[in-house]
N, C-alpha and C. Protein backbone atom coordinates (compact mmCIF):
# COMPACT_ATOMS: atom_id res chain seq x y z
N MET A 1 133.77 65.20 105.88
CA MET A 1 133.06 66.22 104.90
C MET A 1 131.48 66.37 104.96
N MET A 2 131.18 67.79 104.92
CA MET A 2 129.84 67.98 105.09
C MET A 2 129.07 67.65 103.73
N GLU A 3 127.90 67.03 103.79
CA GLU A 3 127.05 66.86 102.72
C GLU A 3 126.55 68.04 102.12
N PHE A 4 126.49 68.18 100.73
CA PHE A 4 125.98 69.21 99.87
C PHE A 4 124.56 69.73 100.25
N LEU A 5 123.74 68.79 100.33
CA LEU A 5 122.20 69.04 100.70
C LEU A 5 122.02 68.76 102.08
N TYR A 6 121.30 69.52 102.78
CA TYR A 6 121.27 69.30 104.04
C TYR A 6 119.63 68.96 104.34
N PHE A 7 119.30 67.72 104.80
CA PHE A 7 117.84 67.48 105.06
C PHE A 7 117.85 67.07 106.58
N PRO A 8 117.24 67.87 107.39
CA PRO A 8 117.23 67.83 108.75
C PRO A 8 116.46 66.55 109.29
N GLU A 9 116.92 65.96 110.26
CA GLU A 9 115.92 64.70 111.01
C GLU A 9 114.67 65.38 111.42
N ASP A 10 114.81 66.61 112.24
CA ASP A 10 113.81 67.09 112.83
C ASP A 10 113.05 68.10 111.76
N LYS A 11 111.98 67.76 111.28
CA LYS A 11 111.30 68.26 110.24
C LYS A 11 110.61 69.58 110.66
N THR A 12 110.51 69.94 112.09
CA THR A 12 110.10 71.37 112.34
C THR A 12 111.10 72.30 112.01
N GLU A 13 112.17 72.24 111.67
CA GLU A 13 112.95 73.11 110.98
C GLU A 13 112.65 73.55 109.81
N TYR A 14 111.74 72.96 109.16
CA TYR A 14 111.11 73.28 107.75
C TYR A 14 110.09 74.52 107.96
N LEU A 15 109.48 74.63 109.17
CA LEU A 15 108.44 75.40 109.59
C LEU A 15 108.64 76.87 109.18
N PRO A 16 109.91 77.43 109.66
CA PRO A 16 110.12 78.88 109.11
C PRO A 16 109.95 79.10 107.66
N ALA A 17 110.65 78.21 106.99
CA ALA A 17 110.62 78.36 105.58
C ALA A 17 109.33 78.38 104.95
N ILE A 18 108.38 77.32 105.39
CA ILE A 18 106.94 77.37 104.84
C ILE A 18 106.22 78.37 105.15
N ILE A 19 106.38 78.91 106.38
CA ILE A 19 105.66 80.23 106.83
C ILE A 19 105.92 81.34 105.86
N THR A 20 107.29 81.57 105.62
CA THR A 20 107.89 82.61 104.97
C THR A 20 107.35 82.51 103.51
N LEU A 21 107.43 81.04 102.83
CA LEU A 21 106.80 80.99 101.54
C LEU A 21 105.40 81.31 101.65
N VAL A 22 104.57 80.95 102.39
CA VAL A 22 103.20 81.15 102.26
C VAL A 22 102.95 82.64 102.46
N LEU A 23 103.64 83.18 103.37
CA LEU A 23 103.44 84.75 103.42
C LEU A 23 103.85 85.37 102.19
N PHE A 24 105.08 85.28 101.71
CA PHE A 24 105.48 85.83 100.39
C PHE A 24 104.34 85.61 99.24
N MET A 25 104.07 84.39 99.07
CA MET A 25 103.23 83.94 98.05
C MET A 25 101.69 84.76 98.07
N THR A 26 101.27 84.76 99.52
CA THR A 26 100.01 85.47 99.70
C THR A 26 100.20 87.09 99.23
N ILE A 27 101.17 87.60 99.74
CA ILE A 27 101.49 89.08 99.36
C ILE A 27 101.67 89.20 97.98
N ALA A 28 102.39 88.36 97.21
CA ALA A 28 102.44 88.51 95.81
C ALA A 28 100.94 88.40 95.06
N VAL A 29 100.09 87.39 95.22
CA VAL A 29 98.87 87.38 94.92
C VAL A 29 97.95 88.58 95.24
N LEU A 30 97.96 89.10 96.32
CA LEU A 30 97.27 90.13 96.69
C LEU A 30 97.69 91.43 96.04
N SER A 31 99.10 91.46 95.77
CA SER A 31 99.64 92.75 95.00
C SER A 31 99.16 92.60 93.63
N MET A 32 99.27 91.52 92.94
CA MET A 32 98.74 91.24 91.59
C MET A 32 97.25 91.60 91.50
N ARG A 33 96.44 91.06 92.35
CA ARG A 33 95.04 91.55 92.33
C ARG A 33 94.72 92.98 92.40
N LEU A 34 95.73 93.65 93.23
CA LEU A 34 95.40 95.16 93.31
C LEU A 34 96.01 95.68 92.05
N ILE A 35 97.04 95.42 91.70
CA ILE A 35 97.43 95.97 90.35
C ILE A 35 96.38 95.68 89.10
N LEU A 36 95.88 94.67 88.99
CA LEU A 36 94.97 94.20 87.83
C LEU A 36 93.67 95.15 88.03
N ARG A 37 93.38 95.29 89.54
CA ARG A 37 91.97 96.01 89.70
C ARG A 37 92.24 97.32 89.36
N LYS A 38 93.31 98.00 89.80
CA LYS A 38 93.74 99.46 89.43
C LYS A 38 93.84 99.82 87.85
N SER A 39 94.46 98.55 87.28
CA SER A 39 94.59 98.98 85.84
C SER A 39 93.23 98.92 85.16
N LYS A 40 92.32 98.00 85.66
CA LYS A 40 91.15 97.96 84.90
C LYS A 40 90.24 99.27 85.21
N ARG A 41 90.28 99.61 86.56
CA ARG A 41 89.66 101.02 86.65
C ARG A 41 90.33 102.26 85.80
N GLU A 42 91.54 102.22 85.66
CA GLU A 42 92.12 103.26 84.99
C GLU A 42 91.77 103.18 83.49
N GLN A 43 91.57 101.83 83.13
CA GLN A 43 91.17 101.81 81.44
C GLN A 43 89.66 102.20 81.46
N GLU A 44 88.92 101.80 82.46
CA GLU A 44 87.49 102.40 82.29
C GLU A 44 87.40 103.83 82.39
N GLN A 45 88.18 104.54 83.11
CA GLN A 45 88.15 105.85 83.20
C GLN A 45 88.70 106.51 81.84
N PHE A 46 89.71 105.95 81.44
CA PHE A 46 90.40 106.64 80.00
C PHE A 46 89.32 106.20 79.03
N GLU A 47 88.63 105.26 78.84
CA GLU A 47 87.51 105.07 77.93
C GLU A 47 86.48 105.85 77.87
N ALA A 48 86.12 106.12 79.28
CA ALA A 48 85.05 107.03 79.48
C ALA A 48 85.47 108.68 79.14
N LYS A 49 86.53 108.86 79.22
CA LYS A 49 87.13 110.14 78.74
C LYS A 49 87.35 110.34 77.40
N TYR A 50 87.96 109.37 76.67
CA TYR A 50 88.43 109.48 75.40
C TYR A 50 87.80 108.14 74.64
N PRO A 51 86.20 108.29 74.38
CA PRO A 51 85.57 107.23 73.79
C PRO A 51 85.99 107.17 72.21
N GLU A 52 86.46 108.36 71.69
CA GLU A 52 87.01 108.11 70.09
C GLU A 52 88.27 107.29 70.09
N GLY A 53 88.98 107.33 70.90
CA GLY A 53 90.31 106.76 70.77
C GLY A 53 90.22 105.22 70.61
N LYS A 54 89.34 104.57 71.33
CA LYS A 54 88.96 103.12 71.10
C LYS A 54 88.48 102.86 69.81
N ARG A 55 87.45 103.84 69.11
CA ARG A 55 87.09 103.48 67.89
C ARG A 55 88.12 103.74 66.79
N GLU A 56 88.99 104.69 67.00
CA GLU A 56 90.03 104.79 66.10
C GLU A 56 90.99 103.70 65.87
N TYR A 57 91.29 103.25 67.18
CA TYR A 57 92.16 102.09 67.16
C TYR A 57 91.67 100.72 66.62
N ASN A 58 90.27 100.55 66.63
CA ASN A 58 89.55 99.42 65.96
C ASN A 58 89.71 99.74 64.67
N LYS A 59 89.45 100.73 64.01
CA LYS A 59 89.54 101.00 62.65
C LYS A 59 90.73 100.81 61.88
N SER A 60 91.86 101.16 62.77
CA SER A 60 93.17 100.80 62.14
C SER A 60 93.60 99.51 62.03
N ASN A 61 92.91 98.66 62.72
CA ASN A 61 93.34 97.14 62.81
C ASN A 61 92.39 96.32 61.74
């Protein structure tokens, strides 16, 4: 009967999984930074275009 979990004797079989994990994590971090940077830029543009909107929001709270 085959074991449920497979742990290879040759640890080099882990390399493709590690490389893929590092690659996807790097892409995820870079994507998140890009999204945050773009969002901040859009917020600054909005606040420059509509400065009264920010003041009205603060008054209502």
